[in-house]
């Protein structure tokens, strides 16, 4: 599984609103991923969001996670702002070791937990790369 920094170049956004969501997405929803014996576990840190406004979708081998804030969300004249509950788009490339049909997600305590089960018998090839 790989994070797609270049998903904007692939056309994974439509219109100005989504373009703004993508450009600002990296600072809006931090993601940690760890691997277990049976899955990849993704934690999307998105406190203060509404569960129903998340959308997870798979197109081809790409998993996209979006959040769109509700209409009429209050906007304040901030004196200082270090945190935002705005929208975001994050995309990840899934390799053949992921069983896409069994992906599950839950939003709890401000963290979207996405479980990406490994397909039985599909090991990801590994190799060591020398640094020149």
N, C-alpha and C. Protein backbone atom coordinates (compact mmCIF):
# COMPACT_ATOMS: atom_id res chain seq x y z
N UNK A 1 0.86 -1.16 0.00
CA UNK A 1 0.00 0.00 0.00
C UNK A 1 0.90 1.22 0.00
N UNK A 2 0.53 2.22 -0.80
CA UNK A 2 1.36 3.40 -0.95
C UNK A 2 0.49 4.64 -0.93
N UNK A 3 1.01 5.74 -0.36
CA UNK A 3 0.32 7.01 -0.37
C UNK A 3 0.59 7.70 -1.70
N UNK A 4 -0.45 8.24 -2.33
CA UNK A 4 -0.31 8.92 -3.62
C UNK A 4 -0.19 10.42 -3.42
N UNK A 5 1.00 10.92 -3.35
CA UNK A 5 1.19 12.36 -3.24
C UNK A 5 0.72 13.04 -4.52
N UNK A 6 0.78 12.33 -5.62
CA UNK A 6 0.48 12.94 -6.91
C UNK A 6 -0.94 12.70 -7.39
N UNK A 7 -1.88 12.40 -6.50
CA UNK A 7 -3.22 12.08 -6.98
C UNK A 7 -3.87 13.29 -7.66
N UNK A 8 -3.45 14.51 -7.33
CA UNK A 8 -4.01 15.68 -8.02
C UNK A 8 -3.63 15.65 -9.49
N UNK A 9 -2.42 15.19 -9.79
CA UNK A 9 -1.98 15.11 -11.17
C UNK A 9 -2.78 14.07 -11.95
N UNK A 10 -3.35 13.10 -11.25
CA UNK A 10 -4.13 12.06 -11.90
C UNK A 10 -5.58 12.49 -12.11
N UNK A 11 -5.94 13.68 -11.65
CA UNK A 11 -7.30 14.15 -11.84
C UNK A 11 -8.27 13.65 -10.80
N UNK A 12 -7.82 13.38 -9.57
CA UNK A 12 -8.70 12.86 -8.53
C UNK A 12 -9.40 13.95 -7.76
N UNK A 13 -9.65 15.07 -8.38
CA UNK A 13 -10.44 16.12 -7.76
C UNK A 13 -11.25 16.79 -8.86
N UNK A 14 -12.33 17.42 -8.48
CA UNK A 14 -13.20 18.07 -9.47
C UNK A 14 -13.60 19.44 -8.93
N UNK A 15 -13.33 20.47 -9.69
CA UNK A 15 -13.74 21.82 -9.29
C UNK A 15 -12.82 22.44 -8.25
N UNK A 16 -13.01 23.73 -8.02
CA UNK A 16 -12.15 24.46 -7.10
C UNK A 16 -12.25 23.97 -5.67
N UNK A 17 -13.46 23.67 -5.19
CA UNK A 17 -13.62 23.26 -3.79
C UNK A 17 -12.79 22.01 -3.49
N UNK A 18 -12.90 21.00 -4.33
CA UNK A 18 -12.14 19.78 -4.09
C UNK A 18 -10.65 19.99 -4.30
N UNK A 19 -10.28 20.86 -5.22
CA UNK A 19 -8.87 21.16 -5.42
C UNK A 19 -8.30 21.77 -4.14
N UNK A 20 -9.04 22.68 -3.53
CA UNK A 20 -8.60 23.28 -2.28
C UNK A 20 -8.51 22.22 -1.20
N UNK A 21 -9.45 21.30 -1.17
CA UNK A 21 -9.41 20.23 -0.17
C UNK A 21 -8.15 19.40 -0.34
N UNK A 22 -7.79 19.09 -1.60
CA UNK A 22 -6.61 18.27 -1.82
C UNK A 22 -5.34 19.01 -1.43
N UNK A 23 -5.20 20.23 -1.86
CA UNK A 23 -3.98 20.99 -1.61
C UNK A 23 -3.72 21.11 -0.12
N UNK A 24 -4.77 21.28 0.66
CA UNK A 24 -4.61 21.47 2.09
C UNK A 24 -4.76 20.18 2.88
N UNK A 25 -4.93 19.05 2.20
CA UNK A 25 -5.27 17.81 2.89
C UNK A 25 -4.17 17.29 3.79
N UNK A 26 -2.92 17.40 3.40
CA UNK A 26 -1.85 16.81 4.19
C UNK A 26 -1.79 17.39 5.59
N UNK A 27 -2.15 18.65 5.74
CA UNK A 27 -2.11 19.25 7.06
C UNK A 27 -3.42 19.07 7.81
N UNK A 28 -4.42 18.53 7.21
CA UNK A 28 -5.73 18.42 7.83
C UNK A 28 -6.03 17.05 8.41
N UNK A 29 -5.40 16.02 7.94
CA UNK A 29 -5.70 14.67 8.43
C UNK A 29 -4.43 13.84 8.37
N UNK A 30 -3.74 13.77 9.49
CA UNK A 30 -2.54 12.95 9.57
C UNK A 30 -2.93 11.48 9.53
N UNK A 31 -2.09 10.66 8.89
CA UNK A 31 -2.37 9.24 8.75
C UNK A 31 -1.17 8.44 9.23
N UNK A 32 -1.42 7.48 10.10
CA UNK A 32 -0.41 6.51 10.51
C UNK A 32 -0.88 5.14 10.04
N UNK A 33 0.06 4.32 9.55
CA UNK A 33 -0.27 2.98 9.07
C UNK A 33 0.71 1.99 9.69
N UNK A 34 0.18 0.90 10.21
CA UNK A 34 1.05 -0.17 10.68
C UNK A 34 0.55 -1.50 10.12
N UNK A 35 1.46 -2.45 10.06
CA UNK A 35 1.12 -3.76 9.51
C UNK A 35 1.07 -4.79 10.63
N UNK A 36 0.03 -5.62 10.59
CA UNK A 36 -0.07 -6.75 11.51
C UNK A 36 0.17 -8.02 10.68
N UNK A 37 0.02 -9.16 11.29
CA UNK A 37 0.19 -10.41 10.55
C UNK A 37 -0.91 -10.62 9.51
N UNK A 38 -2.07 -9.98 9.71
CA UNK A 38 -3.21 -10.24 8.83
C UNK A 38 -3.73 -9.01 8.09
N UNK A 39 -3.18 -7.83 8.37
CA UNK A 39 -3.74 -6.63 7.74
C UNK A 39 -2.81 -5.44 7.87
N UNK A 40 -3.15 -4.39 7.12
CA UNK A 40 -2.61 -3.06 7.35
C UNK A 40 -3.69 -2.33 8.14
N UNK A 41 -3.29 -1.59 9.15
CA UNK A 41 -4.23 -0.81 9.95
C UNK A 41 -3.88 0.67 9.77
N UNK A 42 -4.84 1.42 9.27
CA UNK A 42 -4.65 2.83 8.98
C UNK A 42 -5.44 3.66 9.99
N UNK A 43 -4.78 4.62 10.59
CA UNK A 43 -5.43 5.53 11.53
C UNK A 43 -5.38 6.93 10.93
N UNK A 44 -6.55 7.47 10.63
CA UNK A 44 -6.68 8.81 10.07
C UNK A 44 -7.12 9.72 11.21
N UNK A 45 -6.25 10.61 11.62
CA UNK A 45 -6.53 11.47 12.77
C UNK A 45 -7.35 12.67 12.29
N UNK A 46 -8.64 12.66 12.65
CA UNK A 46 -9.58 13.66 12.16
C UNK A 46 -10.59 14.00 13.25
N UNK A 47 -10.11 14.61 14.35
CA UNK A 47 -11.03 14.92 15.45
C UNK A 47 -12.03 16.01 15.07
N UNK A 48 -13.18 15.97 15.73
CA UNK A 48 -14.20 16.99 15.52
C UNK A 48 -14.98 16.86 14.24
N UNK A 49 -14.82 15.77 13.53
CA UNK A 49 -15.57 15.56 12.28
C UNK A 49 -16.85 14.79 12.58
N UNK A 50 -17.70 14.71 11.57
CA UNK A 50 -18.97 14.00 11.66
C UNK A 50 -18.85 12.72 10.83
N UNK A 51 -19.11 11.59 11.46
CA UNK A 51 -18.92 10.29 10.82
C UNK A 51 -19.60 10.19 9.45
N UNK A 52 -20.81 10.71 9.35
CA UNK A 52 -21.58 10.59 8.11
C UNK A 52 -20.99 11.40 6.95
N UNK A 53 -20.06 12.30 7.23
CA UNK A 53 -19.49 13.14 6.18
C UNK A 53 -18.18 12.58 5.62
N UNK A 54 -17.76 11.40 6.10
CA UNK A 54 -16.61 10.72 5.52
C UNK A 54 -17.09 9.90 4.34
N UNK A 55 -16.21 9.72 3.36
CA UNK A 55 -16.51 8.85 2.23
C UNK A 55 -15.24 8.08 1.90
N UNK A 56 -15.34 6.77 1.85
CA UNK A 56 -14.24 5.92 1.44
C UNK A 56 -14.66 5.22 0.16
N UNK A 57 -13.78 5.23 -0.82
CA UNK A 57 -14.10 4.58 -2.08
C UNK A 57 -12.86 3.97 -2.71
N UNK A 58 -13.08 2.93 -3.50
CA UNK A 58 -12.00 2.29 -4.23
C UNK A 58 -12.33 2.36 -5.71
N UNK A 59 -11.35 2.83 -6.47
CA UNK A 59 -11.47 2.85 -7.93
C UNK A 59 -10.19 2.24 -8.47
N UNK A 60 -10.32 1.11 -9.13
CA UNK A 60 -9.13 0.38 -9.57
C UNK A 60 -8.38 -0.10 -8.34
N UNK A 61 -7.13 0.31 -8.22
CA UNK A 61 -6.35 -0.08 -7.04
C UNK A 61 -6.08 1.12 -6.12
N UNK A 62 -6.93 2.14 -6.20
CA UNK A 62 -6.73 3.34 -5.40
C UNK A 62 -7.85 3.53 -4.38
N UNK A 63 -7.45 3.63 -3.11
CA UNK A 63 -8.37 3.92 -2.02
C UNK A 63 -8.35 5.41 -1.77
N UNK A 64 -9.51 6.05 -1.79
CA UNK A 64 -9.61 7.48 -1.53
C UNK A 64 -10.49 7.70 -0.32
N UNK A 65 -9.99 8.53 0.61
CA UNK A 65 -10.73 8.90 1.80
C UNK A 65 -10.99 10.40 1.72
N UNK A 66 -12.26 10.79 1.78
CA UNK A 66 -12.60 12.21 1.74
C UNK A 66 -13.48 12.57 2.93
N UNK A 67 -13.38 13.82 3.30
CA UNK A 67 -14.27 14.36 4.31
C UNK A 67 -14.75 15.71 3.79
N UNK A 68 -16.07 15.91 3.81
CA UNK A 68 -16.67 17.17 3.40
C UNK A 68 -17.46 17.71 4.58
N UNK A 69 -17.09 18.91 5.07
CA UNK A 69 -17.83 19.47 6.20
C UNK A 69 -19.26 19.82 5.79
N UNK A 70 -20.17 19.81 6.74
CA UNK A 70 -21.56 20.12 6.40
C UNK A 70 -21.72 21.58 5.99
N UNK A 71 -22.75 21.85 5.19
CA UNK A 71 -23.06 23.22 4.80
C UNK A 71 -23.44 24.02 6.04
N UNK A 72 -23.09 25.28 6.04
CA UNK A 72 -23.45 26.14 7.16
C UNK A 72 -22.55 25.95 8.37
N UNK A 73 -21.42 25.27 8.19
CA UNK A 73 -20.48 25.06 9.29
C UNK A 73 -19.96 26.42 9.74
N UNK A 74 -19.98 26.73 11.05
CA UNK A 74 -19.59 28.07 11.51
C UNK A 74 -18.14 28.40 11.17
N UNK A 75 -17.92 29.63 10.70
CA UNK A 75 -16.58 30.12 10.39
C UNK A 75 -16.34 31.34 11.25
N UNK A 76 -15.30 31.28 12.05
CA UNK A 76 -15.02 32.34 12.99
C UNK A 76 -13.92 33.25 12.46
N UNK A 77 -13.84 34.44 13.02
CA UNK A 77 -12.76 35.35 12.73
C UNK A 77 -11.65 35.05 13.74
N UNK A 78 -10.82 34.06 13.41
CA UNK A 78 -9.83 33.54 14.35
C UNK A 78 -8.75 34.56 14.65
N UNK A 79 -8.31 34.60 15.90
CA UNK A 79 -7.15 35.38 16.30
C UNK A 79 -5.91 34.54 16.08
N UNK A 80 -6.01 33.25 16.42
CA UNK A 80 -4.95 32.28 16.16
C UNK A 80 -5.64 30.97 15.81
N UNK A 81 -5.11 30.30 14.81
CA UNK A 81 -5.72 29.05 14.37
C UNK A 81 -4.64 28.03 14.07
N UNK A 82 -4.60 26.95 14.82
CA UNK A 82 -3.63 25.88 14.61
C UNK A 82 -4.30 24.57 14.20
N UNK A 83 -5.60 24.55 14.22
CA UNK A 83 -6.34 23.33 13.94
C UNK A 83 -7.55 23.68 13.10
N UNK A 84 -7.90 22.82 12.17
CA UNK A 84 -9.06 23.04 11.33
C UNK A 84 -9.87 21.75 11.24
N UNK A 85 -11.19 21.91 11.18
CA UNK A 85 -12.06 20.74 10.99
C UNK A 85 -12.57 20.70 9.56
N UNK A 86 -11.83 21.29 8.64
CA UNK A 86 -12.25 21.36 7.25
C UNK A 86 -12.17 20.03 6.53
N UNK A 87 -12.51 20.09 5.26
CA UNK A 87 -12.51 18.90 4.43
C UNK A 87 -11.11 18.50 4.00
N UNK A 88 -11.00 17.25 3.54
CA UNK A 88 -9.73 16.77 3.04
C UNK A 88 -9.96 15.60 2.09
N UNK A 89 -8.93 15.31 1.31
CA UNK A 89 -8.91 14.16 0.42
C UNK A 89 -7.55 13.50 0.60
N UNK A 90 -7.55 12.19 0.83
CA UNK A 90 -6.30 11.42 0.90
C UNK A 90 -6.46 10.19 0.01
N UNK A 91 -5.42 9.85 -0.75
CA UNK A 91 -5.47 8.70 -1.65
C UNK A 91 -4.30 7.78 -1.40
N UNK A 92 -4.56 6.48 -1.53
CA UNK A 92 -3.55 5.46 -1.29
C UNK A 92 -3.68 4.39 -2.37
N UNK A 93 -2.55 3.92 -2.87
CA UNK A 93 -2.54 2.84 -3.85
C UNK A 93 -2.47 1.51 -3.13
N UNK A 94 -3.39 0.63 -3.45
CA UNK A 94 -3.43 -0.69 -2.85
C UNK A 94 -2.74 -1.69 -3.77
N UNK A 95 -1.85 -2.50 -3.23
CA UNK A 95 -1.23 -3.52 -4.06
C UNK A 95 -2.07 -4.80 -4.00
N UNK A 96 -1.62 -5.82 -4.70
CA UNK A 96 -2.42 -7.05 -4.80
C UNK A 96 -2.48 -7.84 -3.49
N UNK A 97 -1.71 -7.44 -2.49
CA UNK A 97 -1.75 -8.16 -1.22
C UNK A 97 -2.97 -7.77 -0.36
N UNK A 98 -3.69 -6.72 -0.74
CA UNK A 98 -4.87 -6.26 0.00
C UNK A 98 -6.12 -6.92 -0.54
N UNK A 99 -6.96 -7.43 0.35
CA UNK A 99 -8.26 -7.99 -0.04
C UNK A 99 -9.27 -6.84 0.00
N UNK A 100 -9.41 -6.12 -1.11
CA UNK A 100 -10.22 -4.89 -1.16
C UNK A 100 -11.68 -5.14 -0.79
N UNK A 101 -12.20 -6.33 -1.02
CA UNK A 101 -13.58 -6.64 -0.70
C UNK A 101 -13.86 -6.74 0.79
N UNK A 102 -12.82 -6.80 1.60
CA UNK A 102 -13.01 -6.95 3.04
C UNK A 102 -12.54 -5.73 3.84
N UNK A 103 -12.27 -4.62 3.18
CA UNK A 103 -11.85 -3.41 3.88
C UNK A 103 -13.01 -2.91 4.74
N UNK A 104 -12.69 -2.51 5.97
CA UNK A 104 -13.71 -1.99 6.87
C UNK A 104 -13.19 -0.72 7.53
N UNK A 105 -14.13 0.09 8.05
CA UNK A 105 -13.74 1.34 8.70
C UNK A 105 -14.70 1.67 9.82
N UNK A 106 -14.17 2.37 10.83
CA UNK A 106 -15.01 2.89 11.91
C UNK A 106 -14.40 4.21 12.38
N UNK A 107 -15.26 5.11 12.82
CA UNK A 107 -14.82 6.42 13.32
C UNK A 107 -15.14 6.46 14.80
N UNK A 108 -14.10 6.63 15.61
CA UNK A 108 -14.27 6.59 17.05
C UNK A 108 -13.22 7.48 17.71
N UNK A 109 -13.66 8.31 18.65
CA UNK A 109 -12.77 9.19 19.40
C UNK A 109 -11.88 10.06 18.50
N UNK A 110 -12.45 10.53 17.39
CA UNK A 110 -11.72 11.43 16.50
C UNK A 110 -10.74 10.76 15.56
N UNK A 111 -10.76 9.43 15.51
CA UNK A 111 -9.85 8.70 14.64
C UNK A 111 -10.66 7.78 13.73
N UNK A 112 -10.43 7.91 12.42
CA UNK A 112 -11.02 6.99 11.46
C UNK A 112 -10.06 5.81 11.33
N UNK A 113 -10.51 4.63 11.75
CA UNK A 113 -9.69 3.43 11.72
C UNK A 113 -10.11 2.60 10.51
N UNK A 114 -9.20 2.44 9.55
CA UNK A 114 -9.48 1.67 8.35
C UNK A 114 -8.63 0.40 8.41
N UNK A 115 -9.30 -0.73 8.34
CA UNK A 115 -8.62 -2.02 8.36
C UNK A 115 -8.56 -2.57 6.94
N UNK A 116 -7.36 -2.87 6.48
CA UNK A 116 -7.12 -3.36 5.13
C UNK A 116 -6.56 -4.79 5.22
N UNK A 117 -7.45 -5.79 5.19
CA UNK A 117 -7.01 -7.18 5.36
C UNK A 117 -6.11 -7.65 4.21
N UNK A 118 -5.15 -8.47 4.57
CA UNK A 118 -4.26 -9.07 3.56
C UNK A 118 -4.97 -10.25 2.91
N UNK A 119 -4.82 -10.37 1.61
CA UNK A 119 -5.40 -11.50 0.88
C UNK A 119 -4.57 -12.74 1.19
N UNK A 120 -5.24 -13.84 1.42
CA UNK A 120 -4.55 -15.09 1.74
C UNK A 120 -3.63 -15.50 0.61
N UNK A 121 -2.39 -15.82 0.95
CA UNK A 121 -1.43 -16.30 -0.04
C UNK A 121 -0.81 -15.24 -0.91
N UNK A 122 -1.09 -13.97 -0.66
CA UNK A 122 -0.54 -12.89 -1.48
C UNK A 122 0.50 -12.12 -0.67
N UNK A 123 1.72 -12.53 -0.75
CA UNK A 123 2.79 -11.84 -0.05
C UNK A 123 3.38 -10.77 -0.96
N UNK A 124 3.69 -9.63 -0.39
CA UNK A 124 4.33 -8.57 -1.15
C UNK A 124 5.81 -8.90 -1.27
N UNK A 125 6.32 -8.85 -2.48
CA UNK A 125 7.74 -9.11 -2.68
C UNK A 125 8.55 -8.01 -2.01
N UNK A 126 9.65 -8.40 -1.42
CA UNK A 126 10.51 -7.40 -0.79
C UNK A 126 11.91 -7.51 -1.37
N UNK A 127 12.60 -6.41 -1.35
CA UNK A 127 13.97 -6.40 -1.84
C UNK A 127 14.72 -5.30 -1.12
N UNK A 128 16.01 -5.46 -1.04
CA UNK A 128 16.85 -4.44 -0.41
C UNK A 128 17.43 -3.58 -1.52
N UNK A 129 17.41 -2.28 -1.30
CA UNK A 129 17.94 -1.34 -2.29
C UNK A 129 19.17 -0.66 -1.70
N UNK A 130 20.26 -0.73 -2.41
CA UNK A 130 21.50 -0.11 -1.95
C UNK A 130 21.43 1.39 -2.21
N UNK A 131 21.95 2.13 -1.26
CA UNK A 131 21.99 3.60 -1.39
C UNK A 131 23.37 3.97 -1.93
N UNK A 132 23.37 4.69 -3.03
CA UNK A 132 24.64 5.08 -3.67
C UNK A 132 25.24 6.31 -3.01
